[in-house]
Amino acid sequence: MTIVEWTPDLNTGIPDIDEQHKQMLHHINDFYEAANAKDKDRMSIVLFDLINSTLAHFQYEEALMEQAKYPLLEPHRRVHKNFIDKLMNLHEKLQTMETTDDIAVLLIDSLDGWLFRHIRINDKGYTNSVNESGVYQAMHENLVAARAAQMQEYGEVAEPEPQPKPAPQPVQPKPAPRPAPQAQAAPAQPKAEPKPAPAPKPAPAPQNKPTPQPATQPQNKEPEDDEPRGWASGNWKF
């Protein structure tokens, strides 16, 4: 929700100054939202941010006026200091107040009654001196360089330098795995004694074949006339 809006009559004609004023209004709106939510911690943080951004703006603005030799620099500087003192007092009251309603009203009234009037009257009084002196361009370049250095510093904080990796620890050799227990072999069975070979059966004794007897001539056979007879037949013995 926006309670404070930027209007064209707040433009000073100096881009950096206008941008810083818009940033202050952004913090004021954040503070108002935190007050509506009754978030005291958030209100304290936003008010602290508003104080810091206002201090940075006043330093830049006073440097411009000093470079441009603005004759009303010192009265302007005192006005800045009074406004910072008001913001600091509001921040201290916020820490002790039980409710946040009163502090929100005090801040909005202070900003509406002082900041906008200061921009419309006091700040526009030095813009002609700054523009005529030509110091703005150099101040702007310095501001850009300062912002770049700040961003680099924040980047280095956000991204720390890589730490050297620790040296790898020597790998300890793993112990050799224990051999799996061998299954005990079953006790050897005694070898069976070989059965004695059966004794060879004796070969049957050869039976004496009867000697063939010479065939006897039948007694009734009549001798042939040509067979030898008597001593000539060879059947006689001495």
C-alpha atoms as a PDB file:
ATOM      1  CA  MET A   1       0.000   0.000   0.000  1.00  0.00           C
ATOM      2  CA  THR A   2       1.337   3.434  -0.956  1.00  0.00           C
ATOM      3  CA  ILE A   3       0.650   6.372   1.335  1.00  0.00           C
ATOM      4  CA  VAL A   4       3.298   8.729  -0.065  1.00  0.00           C
ATOM      5  CA  GLU A   5       3.386   9.213  -3.822  1.00  0.00           C
ATOM      6  CA  TRP A   6       5.948  10.920  -5.979  1.00  0.00           C
ATOM      7  CA  THR A   7       4.550  13.944  -7.786  1.00  0.00           C
ATOM      8  CA  PRO A   8       6.125  16.006 -10.598  1.00  0.00           C
ATOM      9  CA  ASP A   9       6.508  19.062  -8.386  1.00  0.00           C
ATOM     10  CA  LEU A  10       9.097  17.129  -6.331  1.00  0.00           C
ATOM     11  CA  ASN A  11      11.530  16.918  -9.257  1.00  0.00           C
ATOM     12  CA  THR A  12      14.651  19.030  -8.763  1.00  0.00           C
ATOM     13  CA  GLY A  13      16.097  18.598 -12.260  1.00  0.00           C
ATOM     14  CA  ILE A  14      19.123  16.716 -10.904  1.00  0.00           C
ATOM     15  CA  PRO A  15      18.651  12.977 -11.649  1.00  0.00           C
ATOM     16  CA  ASP A  16      20.764  11.656  -8.777  1.00  0.00           C
ATOM     17  CA  ILE A  17      18.989  13.846  -6.226  1.00  0.00           C
ATOM     18  CA  ASP A  18      15.541  12.868  -7.523  1.00  0.00           C
ATOM     19  CA  GLU A  19      16.467   9.181  -7.392  1.00  0.00           C
ATOM     20  CA  GLN A  20      17.623   9.502  -3.788  1.00  0.00           C
ATOM     21  CA  HIS A  21      14.425  11.311  -2.799  1.00  0.00           C
ATOM     22  CA  LYS A  22      12.357   8.494  -4.347  1.00  0.00           C
ATOM     23  CA  GLN A  23      14.337   5.949  -2.339  1.00  0.00           C
ATOM     24  CA  MET A  24      13.487   7.828   0.860  1.00  0.00           C
ATOM     25  CA  LEU A  25       9.797   7.783  -0.042  1.00  0.00           C
ATOM     26  CA  HIS A  26      10.028   4.038  -0.656  1.00  0.00           C
ATOM     27  CA  HIS A  27      11.274   3.511   2.908  1.00  0.00           C
ATOM     28  CA  ILE A  28       8.471   5.711   4.246  1.00  0.00           C
ATOM     29  CA  ASN A  29       5.842   3.550   2.549  1.00  0.00           C
ATOM     30  CA  ASP A  30       7.500   0.379   3.872  1.00  0.00           C
ATOM     31  CA  PHE A  31       7.365   1.844   7.373  1.00  0.00           C
ATOM     32  CA  TYR A  32       3.665   2.636   7.000  1.00  0.00           C
ATOM     33  CA  GLU A  33       2.889  -0.950   5.919  1.00  0.00           C
ATOM     34  CA  ALA A  34       4.824  -2.349   8.878  1.00  0.00           C
ATOM     35  CA  ALA A  35       2.910  -0.006  11.213  1.00  0.00           C
ATOM     36  CA  ASN A  36      -0.441  -1.192   9.832  1.00  0.00           C
ATOM     37  CA  ALA A  37       0.664  -4.781  10.452  1.00  0.00           C
ATOM     38  CA  LYS A  38       1.749  -3.753  13.974  1.00  0.00           C
ATOM     39  CA  ASP A  39       5.105  -5.370  13.242  1.00  0.00           C
ATOM     40  CA  LYS A  40       7.363  -3.487  15.626  1.00  0.00           C
ATOM     41  CA  ASP A  41      10.536  -5.307  14.603  1.00  0.00           C
ATOM     42  CA  ARG A  42       9.912  -4.579  10.944  1.00  0.00           C
ATOM     43  CA  MET A  43       9.190  -0.916  11.716  1.00  0.00           C
ATOM     44  CA  SER A  44      12.520  -0.607  13.528  1.00  0.00           C
ATOM     45  CA  ILE A  45      14.432  -2.125  10.600  1.00  0.00           C
ATOM     46  CA  VAL A  46      12.742   0.084   7.999  1.00  0.00           C
ATOM     47  CA  LEU A  47      13.255   3.233  10.063  1.00  0.00           C
ATOM     48  CA  PHE A  48      16.934   2.370  10.438  1.00  0.00           C
ATOM     49  CA  ASP A  49      17.202   1.954   6.637  1.00  0.00           C
ATOM     50  CA  LEU A  50      15.488   5.313   6.154  1.00  0.00           C
ATOM     51  CA  ILE A  51      18.015   6.997   8.454  1.00  0.00           C
ATOM     52  CA  ASN A  52      20.957   5.473   6.577  1.00  0.00           C
ATOM     53  CA  SER A  53      19.658   6.410   3.126  1.00  0.00           C
ATOM     54  CA  THR A  54      18.862   9.946   4.330  1.00  0.00           C
ATOM     55  CA  LEU A  55      22.384  10.389   5.703  1.00  0.00           C
ATOM     56  CA  ALA A  56      23.902   9.237   2.388  1.00  0.00           C
ATOM     57  CA  HIS A  57      21.610  11.604   0.465  1.00  0.00           C
ATOM     58  CA  PHE A  58      22.491  14.588   2.620  1.00  0.00           C
ATOM     59  CA  GLN A  59      26.236  13.927   2.237  1.00  0.00           C
ATOM     60  CA  TYR A  60      25.945  13.806  -1.552  1.00  0.00           C
ATOM     61  CA  GLU A  61      23.729  16.878  -1.653  1.00  0.00           C
ATOM     62  CA  GLU A  62      26.065  18.898   0.551  1.00  0.00           C
ATOM     63  CA  ALA A  63      29.068  17.879  -1.580  1.00  0.00           C
ATOM     64  CA  LEU A  64      27.270  19.191  -4.673  1.00  0.00           C
ATOM     65  CA  MET A  65      26.524  22.496  -2.982  1.00  0.00           C
ATOM     66  CA  GLU A  66      30.096  22.784  -1.771  1.00  0.00           C
ATOM     67  CA  GLN A  67      31.512  22.133  -5.259  1.00  0.00           C
ATOM     68  CA  ALA A  68      29.067  24.645  -6.733  1.00  0.00           C
ATOM     69  CA  LYS A  69      29.984  27.181  -4.021  1.00  0.00           C
ATOM     70  CA  TYR A  70      26.360  27.554  -2.993  1.00  0.00           C
ATOM     71  CA  PRO A  71      26.171  30.511  -0.582  1.00  0.00           C
ATOM     72  CA  LEU A  72      23.495  28.985   1.680  1.00  0.00           C
ATOM     73  CA  LEU A  73      25.347  25.725   2.284  1.00  0.00           C
ATOM     74  CA  GLU A  74      25.732  26.109   6.050  1.00  0.00           C
ATOM     75  CA  PRO A  75      22.070  26.941   6.793  1.00  0.00           C
ATOM     76  CA  HIS A  76      21.110  24.003   4.568  1.00  0.00           C
ATOM     77  CA  ARG A  77      23.492  21.726   6.439  1.00  0.00           C
ATOM     78  CA  ARG A  78      21.867  22.716   9.773  1.00  0.00           C
ATOM     79  CA  VAL A  79      18.441  21.836   8.399  1.00  0.00           C
ATOM     80  CA  HIS A  80      19.743  18.419   7.423  1.00  0.00           C
ATOM     81  CA  LYS A  81      21.137  17.822  10.882  1.00  0.00           C
ATOM     82  CA  ASN A  82      17.826  18.749  12.533  1.00  0.00           C
ATOM     83  CA  PHE A  83      15.965  16.263  10.368  1.00  0.00           C
ATOM     84  CA  ILE A  84      18.402  13.446  11.174  1.00  0.00           C
ATOM     85  CA  ASP A  85      18.000  14.219  14.882  1.00  0.00           C
ATOM     86  CA  LYS A  86      14.214  13.887  14.519  1.00  0.00           C
ATOM     87  CA  LEU A  87      14.533  10.495  12.843  1.00  0.00           C
ATOM     88  CA  MET A  88      16.914   9.253  15.531  1.00  0.00           C
ATOM     89  CA  ASN A  89      14.521  10.373  18.287  1.00  0.00           C
ATOM     90  CA  LEU A  90      11.670   8.536  16.585  1.00  0.00           C
ATOM     91  CA  HIS A  91      13.771   5.386  16.414  1.00  0.00           C
ATOM     92  CA  GLU A  92      14.518   5.590  20.156  1.00  0.00           C
ATOM     93  CA  LYS A  93      10.837   6.108  21.001  1.00  0.00           C
ATOM     94  CA  LEU A  94       9.904   3.107  18.896  1.00  0.00           C
ATOM     95  CA  GLN A  95      12.040   0.876  21.115  1.00  0.00           C
ATOM     96  CA  THR A  96      10.200   1.950  24.294  1.00  0.00           C
ATOM     97  CA  MET A  97       6.608   2.319  23.053  1.00  0.00           C
ATOM     98  CA  GLU A  98       4.201  -0.503  23.801  1.00  0.00           C
ATOM     99  CA  THR A  99       2.017   0.339  20.804  1.00  0.00           C
ATOM    100  CA  THR A 100       3.141   1.364  17.328  1.00  0.00           C
ATOM    101  CA  ASP A 101       0.225   3.596  16.409  1.00  0.00           C
ATOM    102  CA  ASP A 102       1.652   6.804  17.897  1.00  0.00           C
ATOM    103  CA  ILE A 103       5.098   6.415  16.341  1.00  0.00           C
ATOM    104  CA  ALA A 104       3.607   5.850  12.899  1.00  0.00           C
ATOM    105  CA  VAL A 105       1.577   9.049  13.176  1.00  0.00           C
ATOM    106  CA  LEU A 106       4.620  11.006  14.373  1.00  0.00           C
ATOM    107  CA  LEU A 107       6.755   9.817  11.467  1.00  0.00           C
ATOM    108  CA  ILE A 108       4.160  10.487   8.790  1.00  0.00           C
ATOM    109  CA  ASP A 109       3.461  13.963  10.191  1.00  0.00           C
ATOM    110  CA  SER A 110       7.170  14.776  10.311  1.00  0.00           C
ATOM    111  CA  LEU A 111       7.770  13.649   6.759  1.00  0.00           C
ATOM    112  CA  ASP A 112       4.738  15.387   5.384  1.00  0.00           C
ATOM    113  CA  GLY A 113       5.434  18.571   7.284  1.00  0.00           C
ATOM    114  CA  TRP A 114       9.162  18.716   6.676  1.00  0.00           C
ATOM    115  CA  LEU A 115      10.546  16.515   3.895  1.00  0.00           C
ATOM    116  CA  PHE A 116       8.221  17.588   1.108  1.00  0.00           C
ATOM    117  CA  ARG A 117       8.446  21.236   2.052  1.00  0.00           C
ATOM    118  CA  HIS A 118      12.224  20.923   2.192  1.00  0.00           C
ATOM    119  CA  ILE A 119      12.371  19.411  -1.298  1.00  0.00           C
ATOM    120  CA  ARG A 120       9.986  21.906  -2.867  1.00  0.00           C
ATOM    121  CA  ILE A 121      11.628  24.983  -1.334  1.00  0.00           C
ATOM    122  CA  ASN A 122      15.121  24.407   0.047  1.00  0.00           C
ATOM    123  CA  ASP A 123      16.427  21.857  -2.436  1.00  0.00           C
ATOM    124  CA  LYS A 124      15.188  23.662  -5.501  1.00  0.00           C
ATOM    125  CA  GLY A 125      17.035  26.725  -4.230  1.00  0.00           C
ATOM    126  CA  TYR A 126      20.477  25.230  -4.956  1.00  0.00           C
ATOM    127  CA  THR A 127      19.723  23.393  -8.211  1.00  0.00           C
ATOM    128  CA  ASN A 128      20.384  26.473 -10.333  1.00  0.00           C
ATOM    129  CA  SER A 129      23.809  26.952  -8.751  1.00  0.00           C
ATOM    130  CA  VAL A 130      24.706  23.285  -9.313  1.00  0.00           C
ATOM    131  CA  ASN A 131      23.532  23.245 -12.932  1.00  0.00           C
ATOM    132  CA  GLU A 132      25.274  26.522 -13.780  1.00  0.00           C
ATOM    133  CA  SER A 133      28.587  25.434 -12.225  1.00  0.00           C
ATOM    134  CA  GLY A 134      28.697  22.198 -14.187  1.00  0.00           C
ATOM    135  CA  VAL A 135      29.869  20.158 -11.190  1.00  0.00           C
ATOM    136  CA  TYR A 136      27.051  17.659 -11.391  1.00  0.00           C
ATOM    137  CA  GLN A 137      28.583  15.536 -14.170  1.00  0.00           C
ATOM    138  CA  ALA A 138      31.813  14.988 -12.259  1.00  0.00           C
ATOM    139  CA  MET A 139      29.896  14.217  -9.055  1.00  0.00           C
ATOM    140  CA  HIS A 140      27.670  11.805 -10.927  1.00  0.00           C
ATOM    141  CA  GLU A 141      30.671   9.916 -12.331  1.00  0.00           C
ATOM    142  CA  ASN A 142      32.182   9.690  -8.870  1.00  0.00           C
ATOM    143  CA  LEU A 143      28.892   8.372  -7.514  1.00  0.00           C
ATOM    144  CA  VAL A 144      28.693   5.712 -10.213  1.00  0.00           C
ATOM    145  CA  ALA A 145      32.265   4.632  -9.489  1.00  0.00           C
ATOM    146  CA  ALA A 146      31.552   4.485  -5.754  1.00  0.00           C
ATOM    147  CA  ARG A 147      28.476   2.349  -6.343  1.00  0.00           C
ATOM    148  CA  ALA A 148      30.451  -0.007  -8.581  1.00  0.00           C
ATOM    149  CA  ALA A 149      33.140  -0.389  -5.918  1.00  0.00           C
ATOM    150  CA  GLN A 150      30.481  -1.017  -3.301  1.00  0.00           C
ATOM    151  CA  MET A 151      28.811  -3.666  -5.432  1.00  0.00           C
ATOM    152  CA  GLN A 152      32.161  -5.346  -5.999  1.00  0.00           C
ATOM    153  CA  GLU A 153      32.833  -5.326  -2.263  1.00  0.00           C
ATOM    154  CA  TYR A 154      29.432  -6.842  -1.555  1.00  0.00           C
ATOM    155  CA  GLY A 155      30.065  -9.431  -4.252  1.00  0.00           C
ATOM    156  CA  GLU A 156      33.350 -10.425  -2.638  1.00  0.00           C
ATOM    157  CA  VAL A 157      31.580 -10.801   0.680  1.00  0.00           C
ATOM    158  CA  ALA A 158      28.794 -12.818  -0.882  1.00  0.00           C
ATOM    159  CA  GLU A 159      31.230 -15.020  -2.764  1.00  0.00           C
ATOM    160  CA  PRO A 160      34.164 -15.795  -0.478  1.00  0.00           C
ATOM    161  CA  GLU A 161      37.394 -16.938  -1.963  1.00  0.00           C
ATOM    162  CA  PRO A 162      37.476 -20.663  -2.438  1.00  0.00           C
ATOM    163  CA  GLN A 163      39.331 -22.391   0.319  1.00  0.00           C
ATOM    164  CA  PRO A 164      42.064 -24.830  -0.667  1.00  0.00           C
ATOM    165  CA  LYS A 165      40.852 -28.342  -0.619  1.00  0.00           C
ATOM    166  CA  PRO A 166      42.438 -30.484   2.071  1.00  0.00           C
ATOM    167  CA  ALA A 167      45.044 -32.919   0.874  1.00  0.00           C
ATOM    168  CA  PRO A 168      43.535 -36.308   0.330  1.00  0.00           C
ATOM    169  CA  GLN A 169      44.172 -38.697   3.139  1.00  0.00           C
ATOM    170  CA  PRO A 170      46.172 -41.803   2.245  1.00  0.00           C
ATOM    171  CA  VAL A 171      43.888 -44.658   1.597  1.00  0.00           C
ATOM    172  CA  GLN A 172      44.432 -47.376   4.115  1.00  0.00           C
ATOM    173  CA  PRO A 173      44.610 -50.794   2.497  1.00  0.00           C
ATOM    174  CA  LYS A 174      41.601 -52.801   3.290  1.00  0.00           C
ATOM    175  CA  PRO A 175      42.348 -55.993   5.220  1.00  0.00           C
ATOM    176  CA  ALA A 176      42.243 -59.076   3.103  1.00  0.00           C
ATOM    177  CA  PRO A 177      38.931 -60.801   3.492  1.00  0.00           C
ATOM    178  CA  ARG A 178      39.065 -63.829   5.685  1.00  0.00           C
ATOM    179  CA  PRO A 179      38.674 -67.066   3.755  1.00  0.00           C
ATOM    180  CA  ALA A 180      35.301 -68.596   4.091  1.00  0.00           C
ATOM    181  CA  PRO A 181      35.358 -71.602   6.368  1.00  0.00           C
ATOM    182  CA  GLN A 182      35.840 -74.738   4.352  1.00  0.00           C
ATOM    183  CA  ALA A 183      33.207 -77.359   4.716  1.00  0.00           C
ATOM    184  CA  GLN A 184      34.677 -80.312   6.498  1.00  0.00           C
ATOM    185  CA  ALA A 185      34.972 -83.273   4.227  1.00  0.00           C
ATOM    186  CA  ALA A 186      33.107 -86.353   5.255  1.00  0.00           C
ATOM    187  CA  PRO A 187      35.428 -88.968   6.706  1.00  0.00           C
ATOM    188  CA  ALA A 188      36.710 -91.296   4.050  1.00  0.00           C
ATOM    189  CA  GLN A 189      34.908 -94.562   3.993  1.00  0.00           C
ATOM    190  CA  PRO A 190      37.237 -97.525   4.222  1.00  0.00           C
ATOM    191  CA  LYS A 191      37.712 -99.069   0.898  1.00  0.00           C
ATOM    192  CA  ALA A 192      36.002-102.365   0.540  1.00  0.00           C
ATOM    193  CA  GLU A 193      38.387-105.252   0.274  1.00  0.00           C
ATOM    194  CA  PRO A 194      38.261-106.601  -3.213  1.00  0.00           C
ATOM    195  CA  LYS A 195      36.465-109.860  -3.366  1.00  0.00           C
ATOM    196  CA  PRO A 196      38.771-112.701  -4.309  1.00  0.00           C
ATOM    197  CA  ALA A 197      38.342-113.755  -7.851  1.00  0.00           C
ATOM    198  CA  PRO A 198      36.526-117.020  -8.080  1.00  0.00           C
ATOM    199  CA  ALA A 199      38.890-119.915  -8.522  1.00  0.00           C
ATOM    200  CA  PRO A 200      38.885-121.100 -12.050  1.00  0.00           C
ATOM    201  CA  LYS A 201      36.956-124.186 -12.474  1.00  0.00           C
ATOM    202  CA  PRO A 202      39.207-127.082 -13.398  1.00  0.00           C
ATOM    203  CA  ALA A 203      38.981-127.947 -16.961  1.00  0.00           C
ATOM    204  CA  PRO A 204      37.221-131.165 -17.443  1.00  0.00           C
ATOM    205  CA  ALA A 205      39.660-133.988 -17.878  1.00  0.00           C
ATOM    206  CA  PRO A 206      39.812-135.032 -21.414  1.00  0.00           C
ATOM    207  CA  GLN A 207      38.075-138.231 -21.826  1.00  0.00           C
ATOM    208  CA  ASN A 208      39.990-140.840 -23.697  1.00  0.00           C
ATOM    209  CA  LYS A 209      38.213-141.505 -26.778  1.00  0.00           C
ATOM    210  CA  PRO A 210      38.183-145.096 -27.519  1.00  0.00           C
ATOM    211  CA  THR A 211      40.721-146.048 -30.073  1.00  0.00           C
ATOM    212  CA  PRO A 212      38.895-146.998 -33.053  1.00  0.00           C
ATOM    213  CA  GLN A 213      39.219-150.625 -33.556  1.00  0.00           C
ATOM    214  CA  PRO A 214      39.825-151.824 -36.954  1.00  0.00           C
ATOM    215  CA  ALA A 215      36.745-153.052 -38.348  1.00  0.00           C
ATOM    216  CA  THR A 216      36.491-156.709 -38.190  1.00  0.00           C
ATOM    217  CA  GLN A 217      35.547-158.466 -41.154  1.00  0.00           C
ATOM    218  CA  PRO A 218      32.412-160.192 -40.773  1.00  0.00           C
ATOM    219  CA  GLN A 219      33.013-163.815 -40.246  1.00  0.00           C
ATOM    220  CA  ASN A 220      30.644-164.833 -42.777  1.00  0.00           C
ATOM    221  CA  LYS A 221      32.277-162.875 -45.468  1.00  0.00           C
ATOM    222  CA  GLU A 222      33.880-164.921 -48.042  1.00  0.00           C
ATOM    223  CA  PRO A 223      37.470-163.907 -48.792  1.00  0.00           C
ATOM    224  CA  GLU A 224      38.058-162.445 -52.100  1.00  0.00           C
ATOM    225  CA  ASP A 225      40.075-164.397 -54.472  1.00  0.00           C
ATOM    226  CA  ASP A 226      42.684-161.627 -54.775  1.00  0.00           C
ATOM    227  CA  GLU A 227      43.294-160.962 -50.959  1.00  0.00           C
ATOM    228  CA  PRO A 228      46.481-162.415 -49.564  1.00  0.00           C
ATOM    229  CA  ARG A 229      46.118-165.297 -47.440  1.00  0.00           C
ATOM    230  CA  GLY A 230      48.300-167.008 -44.925  1.00  0.00           C
ATOM    231  CA  TRP A 231      51.834-165.562 -44.459  1.00  0.00           C
ATOM    232  CA  ALA A 232      51.372-163.073 -47.197  1.00  0.00           C
ATOM    233  CA  SER A 233      48.650-161.177 -45.388  1.00  0.00           C
ATOM    234  CA  GLY A 234      50.987-159.733 -42.686  1.00  0.00           C
ATOM    235  CA  ASN A 235      48.889-160.888 -39.760  1.00  0.00           C
ATOM    236  CA  TRP A 236      51.276-163.426 -38.542  1.00  0.00           C
ATOM    237  CA  LYS A 237      53.754-162.992 -35.652  1.00  0.00           C
ATOM    238  CA  PHE A 238      56.981-164.727 -34.854  1.00  0.00           C
END
